[in-house]
C-alpha atoms as a PDB file:
ATOM      1  CA  MET A   1      -0.051   0.009   0.070  1.00  0.00           C
ATOM      2  CA  LYS A   2       1.173   3.581  -0.825  1.00  0.00           C
ATOM      3  CA  CYS A   3       0.024   6.806   0.564  1.00  0.00           C
ATOM      4  CA  VAL A   4      -2.529   8.450  -1.494  1.00  0.00           C
ATOM      5  CA  ILE A   5      -1.043  11.836  -0.404  1.00  0.00           C
ATOM      6  CA  CYS A   6       2.640  11.586  -0.529  1.00  0.00           C
ATOM      7  CA  ASN A   7       3.103   8.147  -2.308  1.00  0.00           C
ATOM      8  CA  SER A   8       5.407   6.759   0.408  1.00  0.00           C
ATOM      9  CA  PRO A   9       5.270   3.011   0.952  1.00  0.00           C
ATOM     10  CA  ASP A  10       6.089   3.562   4.683  1.00  0.00           C
ATOM     11  CA  ILE A  11       2.683   2.995   6.202  1.00  0.00           C
ATOM     12  CA  THR A  12       2.323   1.278   9.779  1.00  0.00           C
ATOM     13  CA  LYS A  13      -0.281   0.569  12.333  1.00  0.00           C
ATOM     14  CA  LYS A  14       0.040   3.014  15.123  1.00  0.00           C
ATOM     15  CA  LYS A  15      -2.128   3.950  18.384  1.00  0.00           C
ATOM     16  CA  VAL A  16      -3.500   7.558  17.868  1.00  0.00           C
ATOM     17  CA  GLU A  17      -5.932   9.827  19.690  1.00  0.00           C
ATOM     18  CA  GLU A  18      -9.032  10.716  17.432  1.00  0.00           C
ATOM     19  CA  GLU A  19     -10.882  13.961  18.589  1.00  0.00           C
ATOM     20  CA  ILE A  20     -14.525  13.974  18.775  1.00  0.00           C
ATOM     21  CA  ARG A  21     -16.039  17.727  19.438  1.00  0.00           C
ATOM     22  CA  GLU A  22     -19.230  17.988  21.331  1.00  0.00           C
ATOM     23  CA  ASN A  23     -20.021  21.672  21.870  1.00  0.00           C
ATOM     24  CA  SER A  24     -16.979  23.257  23.243  1.00  0.00           C
ATOM     25  CA  ASP A  25     -15.389  19.915  24.523  1.00  0.00           C
ATOM     26  CA  VAL A  26     -12.901  17.790  22.838  1.00  0.00           C
ATOM     27  CA  ILE A  27     -12.930  13.900  23.595  1.00  0.00           C
ATOM     28  CA  LEU A  28      -9.918  12.020  22.692  1.00  0.00           C
ATOM     29  CA  VAL A  29     -10.494   8.511  21.515  1.00  0.00           C
ATOM     30  CA  PRO A  30      -7.572   6.054  21.498  1.00  0.00           C
ATOM     31  CA  ILE A  31      -7.628   3.826  18.426  1.00  0.00           C
ATOM     32  CA  LYS A  32      -5.242   1.888  16.128  1.00  0.00           C
ATOM     33  CA  VAL A  33      -5.093   2.964  12.579  1.00  0.00           C
ATOM     34  CA  LEU A  34      -2.779   2.828   9.673  1.00  0.00           C
ATOM     35  CA  VAL A  35      -0.597   6.033   9.590  1.00  0.00           C
ATOM     36  CA  CYS A  36       1.810   7.239   6.759  1.00  0.00           C
ATOM     37  CA  GLU A  37       5.298   7.619   8.506  1.00  0.00           C
ATOM     38  CA  GLU A  38       6.176  10.323   5.964  1.00  0.00           C
ATOM     39  CA  CYS A  39       3.176  12.753   5.900  1.00  0.00           C
ATOM     40  CA  GLY A  40       0.903  11.539   8.753  1.00  0.00           C
ATOM     41  CA  GLU A  41      -1.986  10.652   6.524  1.00  0.00           C
ATOM     42  CA  ARG A  42      -4.460   8.255   8.629  1.00  0.00           C
ATOM     43  CA  TYR A  43      -6.392   5.327   7.082  1.00  0.00           C
ATOM     44  CA  TYR A  44      -9.445   4.156   8.757  1.00  0.00           C
ATOM     45  CA  ASP A  45     -10.972   0.708   7.923  1.00  0.00           C
ATOM     46  CA  ARG A  46     -14.975   0.069   8.256  1.00  0.00           C
ATOM     47  CA  ARG A  47     -14.763  -1.309  11.663  1.00  0.00           C
ATOM     48  CA  THR A  48     -12.992   1.740  13.196  1.00  0.00           C
ATOM     49  CA  MET A  49     -15.120   4.118  11.409  1.00  0.00           C
ATOM     50  CA  LYS A  50     -18.216   2.292  12.796  1.00  0.00           C
ATOM     51  CA  ARG A  51     -16.697   2.208  16.316  1.00  0.00           C
ATOM     52  CA  LEU A  52     -15.960   5.892  16.227  1.00  0.00           C
ATOM     53  CA  GLU A  53     -19.602   6.643  15.115  1.00  0.00           C
ATOM     54  CA  GLU A  54     -20.876   4.641  17.982  1.00  0.00           C
ATOM     55  CA  ILE A  55     -18.765   6.363  20.463  1.00  0.00           C
ATOM     56  CA  GLU A  56     -19.881   9.715  19.151  1.00  0.00           C
ATOM     57  CA  GLN A  57     -23.498   8.691  19.351  1.00  0.00           C
ATOM     58  CA  SER A  58     -22.989   7.400  22.932  1.00  0.00           C
ATOM     59  CA  ILE A  59     -21.366  10.862  23.821  1.00  0.00           C
ATOM     60  CA  LYS A  60     -24.263  12.803  22.270  1.00  0.00           C
ATOM     61  CA  GLU A  61     -26.930  10.601  24.137  1.00  0.00           C
ATOM     62  CA  LYS A  62     -24.743  10.884  27.446  1.00  0.00           C
ATOM     63  CA  ARG A  63     -24.196   7.280  27.910  1.00  0.00           C
ATOM     64  CA  MET A  64     -20.322   7.298  27.465  1.00  0.00           C
ATOM     65  CA  PRO A  65     -18.444   7.684  30.732  1.00  0.00           C
ATOM     66  CA  LEU A  66     -15.755  10.255  30.294  1.00  0.00           C
ATOM     67  CA  GLN A  67     -12.563  11.165  32.242  1.00  0.00           C
ATOM     68  CA  LYS A  68     -11.339  14.754  32.683  1.00  0.00           C
ATOM     69  CA  VAL A  69      -7.666  14.860  31.842  1.00  0.00           C
ATOM     70  CA  GLY A  70      -6.950  18.615  31.730  1.00  0.00           C
ATOM     71  CA  ARG A  71      -8.172  21.995  31.084  1.00  0.00           C
ATOM     72  CA  VAL A  72      -8.352  24.226  27.965  1.00  0.00           C
ATOM     73  CA  LEU A  73      -7.830  27.848  28.436  1.00  0.00           C
ATOM     74  CA  ARG A  74      -8.222  30.776  26.024  1.00  0.00           C
ATOM     75  CA  VAL A  75      -6.694  34.181  25.936  1.00  0.00           C
ATOM     76  CA  SER A  76      -9.425  36.868  25.659  1.00  0.00           C
END
């Protein structure tokens, strides 16, 4: 498999954190996906996409337990 962005053949499976945004919150979801080592392009299979969609729906329905890991501050 070659990267569709940079044409590199260097694609490996990695653990990454996908971001799901809900209002002003950012939820980090750890998943394993194929990642191009050259440009960082991520490749998601159907099972992973379905899982992310299920997690997003659970968050919207307030059924997903979430853990606070920090704060986000903004300069006004």
